[in-house]
Protein backbone atom coordinates (compact mmCIF):
# COMPACT_ATOMS: atom_id res chain seq x y z
CA MET A 1 3.21 118.73 14.29
CA ASN A 2 1.74 117.84 10.75
CA TYR A 3 2.08 119.92 7.49
CA ILE A 4 -1.57 121.35 7.63
CA SER A 5 -0.94 122.44 11.21
CA PHE A 6 2.41 123.63 10.38
CA ARG A 7 1.26 125.44 7.46
CA LYS A 8 -1.64 127.33 9.43
CA ALA A 9 0.64 128.01 12.35
CA LEU A 10 3.29 129.83 10.06
CA SER A 11 0.85 131.12 7.62
CA SER A 12 1.79 135.01 8.04
CA PHE A 13 5.58 134.16 7.46
CA GLU A 14 7.03 134.74 4.09
CA GLY A 15 10.13 132.98 4.93
CA PHE A 16 11.01 130.87 8.13
CA THR A 17 13.86 128.86 9.69
CA PRO A 18 13.96 126.11 12.18
CA GLY A 19 13.95 128.78 14.91
CA ASP A 20 10.90 130.19 14.05
CA ILE A 21 9.17 126.73 13.94
CA ARG A 22 10.45 125.89 17.57
CA LYS A 23 9.12 128.81 19.07
CA ILE A 24 5.31 127.66 18.21
CA ASP A 25 6.59 123.73 18.63
CA PRO A 26 9.74 122.93 20.80
CA SER A 27 9.44 119.41 19.94
CA PHE A 28 9.61 119.87 16.11
CA GLN A 29 11.97 117.81 14.28
CA SER A 30 13.94 119.28 11.51
CA ARG A 31 13.91 116.18 9.24
CA ARG A 32 10.26 116.94 8.42
CA LEU A 33 11.56 119.84 6.61
CA HIS A 34 13.60 117.61 4.28
CA GLU A 35 10.43 115.44 3.73
CA TRP A 36 8.09 118.53 3.07
CA GLN A 37 10.78 119.88 0.63
CA GLN A 38 10.96 116.42 -1.11
CA LYS A 39 7.11 116.73 -1.51
CA GLY A 40 7.32 120.33 -3.24
CA TYR A 41 5.41 121.81 -0.03
CA ILE A 42 8.15 124.01 0.91
CA VAL A 43 11.44 125.38 -1.06
CA LYS A 44 14.84 125.93 0.46
CA LEU A 45 16.27 129.34 -0.01
CA ARG A 46 19.82 128.68 1.75
CA ARG A 47 20.62 126.45 4.86
CA GLY A 48 18.33 127.05 7.37
CA HIS A 49 15.92 129.34 5.42
CA TYR A 50 12.49 128.00 3.52
CA ARG A 51 9.70 129.50 2.25
CA PHE A 52 6.27 127.86 1.26
CA ALA A 53 6.05 126.59 -2.02
CA ASP A 54 2.35 127.67 -2.80
CA THR A 55 2.94 131.36 -1.90
CA PRO A 56 2.69 133.53 -4.80
CA LEU A 57 6.00 135.63 -5.38
CA THR A 58 6.13 139.40 -5.80
CA GLU A 59 9.22 141.73 -6.12
CA GLU A 60 8.33 143.21 -2.46
CA LYS A 61 8.38 139.76 -1.08
CA LEU A 62 11.74 138.81 -3.01
CA PHE A 63 12.99 142.08 -1.35
CA HIS A 64 11.73 141.14 2.52
CA LEU A 65 13.59 137.86 1.96
CA ALA A 66 16.46 138.99 0.71
CA ASN A 67 16.99 141.17 3.99
CA HIS A 68 16.36 137.80 6.15
CA LEU A 69 18.23 135.94 4.29
CA TYR A 70 21.47 137.75 5.05
CA ASP A 71 21.36 140.27 7.98
CA PRO A 72 22.55 143.02 8.32
CA SER A 73 21.74 144.03 4.72
CA TYR A 74 19.41 146.31 2.37
CA ILE A 75 18.54 146.09 -1.15
CA SER A 76 20.49 148.54 -3.76
CA LEU A 77 22.76 148.04 -6.69
CA GLU A 78 21.01 146.98 -9.79
CA SER A 79 17.98 145.81 -8.27
CA ALA A 80 17.45 149.23 -6.59
CA LEU A 81 18.53 151.18 -9.98
CA ALA A 82 16.24 149.42 -11.89
CA TYR A 83 13.15 149.82 -9.14
CA TYR A 84 14.12 153.80 -9.58
CA GLY A 85 14.07 153.76 -13.52
CA LEU A 86 18.08 154.36 -13.62
CA ILE A 87 18.81 151.54 -15.74
CA PRO A 88 17.06 149.93 -18.76
CA GLU A 89 17.89 146.14 -17.93
CA GLY A 90 15.46 143.70 -16.25
CA VAL A 91 16.99 142.57 -13.56
CA TYR A 92 16.27 138.87 -12.54
CA THR A 93 19.02 138.57 -9.25
CA ILE A 94 18.03 140.39 -6.13
CA THR A 95 21.04 142.85 -5.08
CA SER A 96 21.95 144.02 -1.73
CA VAL A 97 25.01 145.28 0.33
CA THR A 98 25.86 144.06 3.43
CA THR A 99 28.72 144.75 6.27
CA ARG A 100 29.24 140.71 6.13
CA LYS A 101 31.28 139.17 3.94
CA THR A 102 30.00 139.07 -0.14
CA GLY A 103 27.60 136.16 -0.41
CA ARG A 104 25.53 134.77 -3.24
CA PHE A 105 22.56 132.14 -2.62
CA THR A 106 20.77 130.42 -5.64
CA SER A 107 17.62 128.57 -5.10
CA PRO A 108 14.38 127.65 -7.18
CA THR A 109 12.92 131.19 -5.75
CA GLY A 110 15.61 133.15 -7.14
CA THR A 111 19.29 134.33 -6.60
CA PHE A 112 20.22 136.39 -4.08
CA THR A 113 23.54 138.41 -3.92
CA TYR A 114 25.43 140.61 -1.22
CA GLN A 115 28.22 142.93 -1.95
CA HIS A 116 30.26 143.76 1.07
CA ILE A 117 30.37 147.64 2.17
CA LYS A 118 32.34 148.89 5.47
CA GLU A 119 30.06 149.75 8.50
CA ASN A 120 30.62 153.51 8.44
CA ILE A 121 28.74 153.59 4.90
CA PHE A 122 26.14 151.39 5.84
CA PHE A 123 23.25 154.16 5.70
CA GLY A 124 21.00 155.53 3.40
CA TYR A 125 18.10 153.44 3.46
CA GLY A 126 14.71 153.32 4.66
CA LEU A 127 12.07 150.80 5.93
CA ARG A 128 9.22 149.85 3.21
CA LYS A 129 6.36 148.16 4.02
CA TYR A 130 4.28 145.72 1.77
CA GLY A 131 1.00 144.35 3.39
CA THR A 132 2.68 143.19 7.08
CA LEU A 133 6.09 142.90 5.38
CA ILE A 134 8.96 145.28 6.19
CA TYR A 135 11.82 145.57 4.24
CA LYS A 136 15.12 147.84 3.88
CA PHE A 137 15.70 149.64 0.44
CA THR A 138 17.93 152.23 -0.38
CA GLU A 139 17.32 155.87 -1.38
CA ARG A 140 18.12 156.51 -5.03
CA GLU A 141 21.04 158.73 -4.13
CA LYS A 142 22.68 156.02 -2.55
CA ALA A 143 21.79 153.31 -4.77
CA VAL A 144 23.76 155.70 -7.60
CA LEU A 145 26.90 155.64 -5.26
CA ASP A 146 26.88 152.31 -3.75
CA TYR A 147 27.11 151.12 -7.59
CA LEU A 148 30.08 153.94 -8.42
CA TYR A 149 31.77 152.75 -5.09
CA LEU A 150 31.94 148.94 -6.02
CA HIS A 151 32.53 149.41 -9.63
CA PRO A 152 35.61 151.41 -10.01
CA GLU A 153 35.83 150.66 -13.79
CA LEU A 154 33.22 153.39 -14.23
CA SER A 155 35.96 155.88 -14.19
CA ASP A 156 35.78 157.29 -18.20
CA GLU A 157 33.14 158.43 -20.42
CA GLY A 158 33.05 155.21 -22.56
CA ALA A 159 32.61 153.19 -19.53
CA LEU A 160 29.52 155.46 -18.48
CA GLN A 161 28.24 155.13 -21.94
CA GLU A 162 28.27 151.36 -21.45
CA TRP A 163 26.44 151.44 -18.34
CA ARG A 164 23.36 153.15 -20.15
CA PHE A 165 22.53 154.99 -17.09
CA ASP A 166 19.63 157.18 -17.50
CA GLY A 167 21.08 160.35 -16.45
CA GLU A 168 18.16 162.68 -16.97
CA GLU A 169 15.94 160.52 -14.89
CA PHE A 170 18.29 160.89 -12.15
CA LEU A 171 18.60 164.82 -12.55
CA ARG A 172 14.98 164.83 -12.54
CA SER A 173 14.52 162.88 -9.02
CA TYR A 174 17.52 163.11 -7.16
CA ASP A 175 18.19 165.62 -4.19
CA GLY A 176 21.45 167.07 -5.04
CA GLU A 177 22.09 168.21 -1.44
CA ARG A 178 21.53 164.31 -0.05
CA PHE A 179 24.07 162.97 -2.68
CA GLU A 180 26.47 165.62 -1.80
CA ARG A 181 26.16 164.65 2.09
CA TYR A 182 25.93 160.79 1.29
CA LEU A 183 29.27 161.00 -1.10
CA LYS A 184 31.12 162.96 1.73
CA ALA A 185 30.40 160.43 4.21
CA TYR A 186 32.11 157.81 1.99
CA ASP A 187 35.18 159.94 2.76
CA ASN A 188 36.84 158.29 -0.59
CA LYS A 189 38.83 160.09 -3.16
CA GLU A 190 38.55 157.90 -6.06
CA LEU A 191 34.67 157.60 -5.36
CA THR A 192 34.35 161.45 -5.42
CA LYS A 193 36.06 161.51 -8.97
CA ARG A 194 33.85 159.29 -10.16
CA ALA A 195 30.60 160.60 -9.07
CA ARG A 196 31.62 164.14 -10.13
CA ASN A 197 32.45 162.49 -13.67
CA LEU A 198 29.15 161.16 -13.45
CA ILE A 199 27.28 164.49 -12.76
CA ALA A 200 29.35 165.95 -15.65
CA TYR A 201 28.73 163.21 -18.16
CA ILE A 202 24.76 163.33 -17.44
CA HIS A 203 25.05 167.23 -17.77
CA ASN A 204 27.41 167.23 -21.07
CA ASN A 205 24.63 164.73 -22.68
CA ALA A 206 21.57 165.99 -21.65
């Protein structure tokens, strides 16, 4: 299979693996991937994962790639908080949570990080569609709880102030019943204390 045929056959793929290629051409030789990478036709995202270099990137495409680079995972933490307008900083790393071990992958396309959480709290996300692409993205209430869960230092007013979390925006947009239901599911006393402190801090500074 030459590159033109390869490019046409996988034109609908945002990211692909050698396994995807062999479904189309069982005799495909993986050394061709290295050749095409050297020529700048494709970009290596991590071992065994690639994308076409000439495909324009969008935030949604990066979210889709993040899901597939390390599965199971869903977009959360800083990427989700920034998307919902809850933190002011631009986020240049695509952040996710996973039931697998914590991981990080850096490539010309971007940096993708994954924080480990337990299987019983791997919930609170939905499927989003962007063109033909599907990706898993957390709800705003779960994004906040995931962040508090993984950042025990956010336990006092000084730390919350440094976080620069937009509490007013959160109060305007969040579902209080869902927040409490998700918080209960964590079954974590320290997280509950941090969540209560956050809500109190927001009300006191509104």
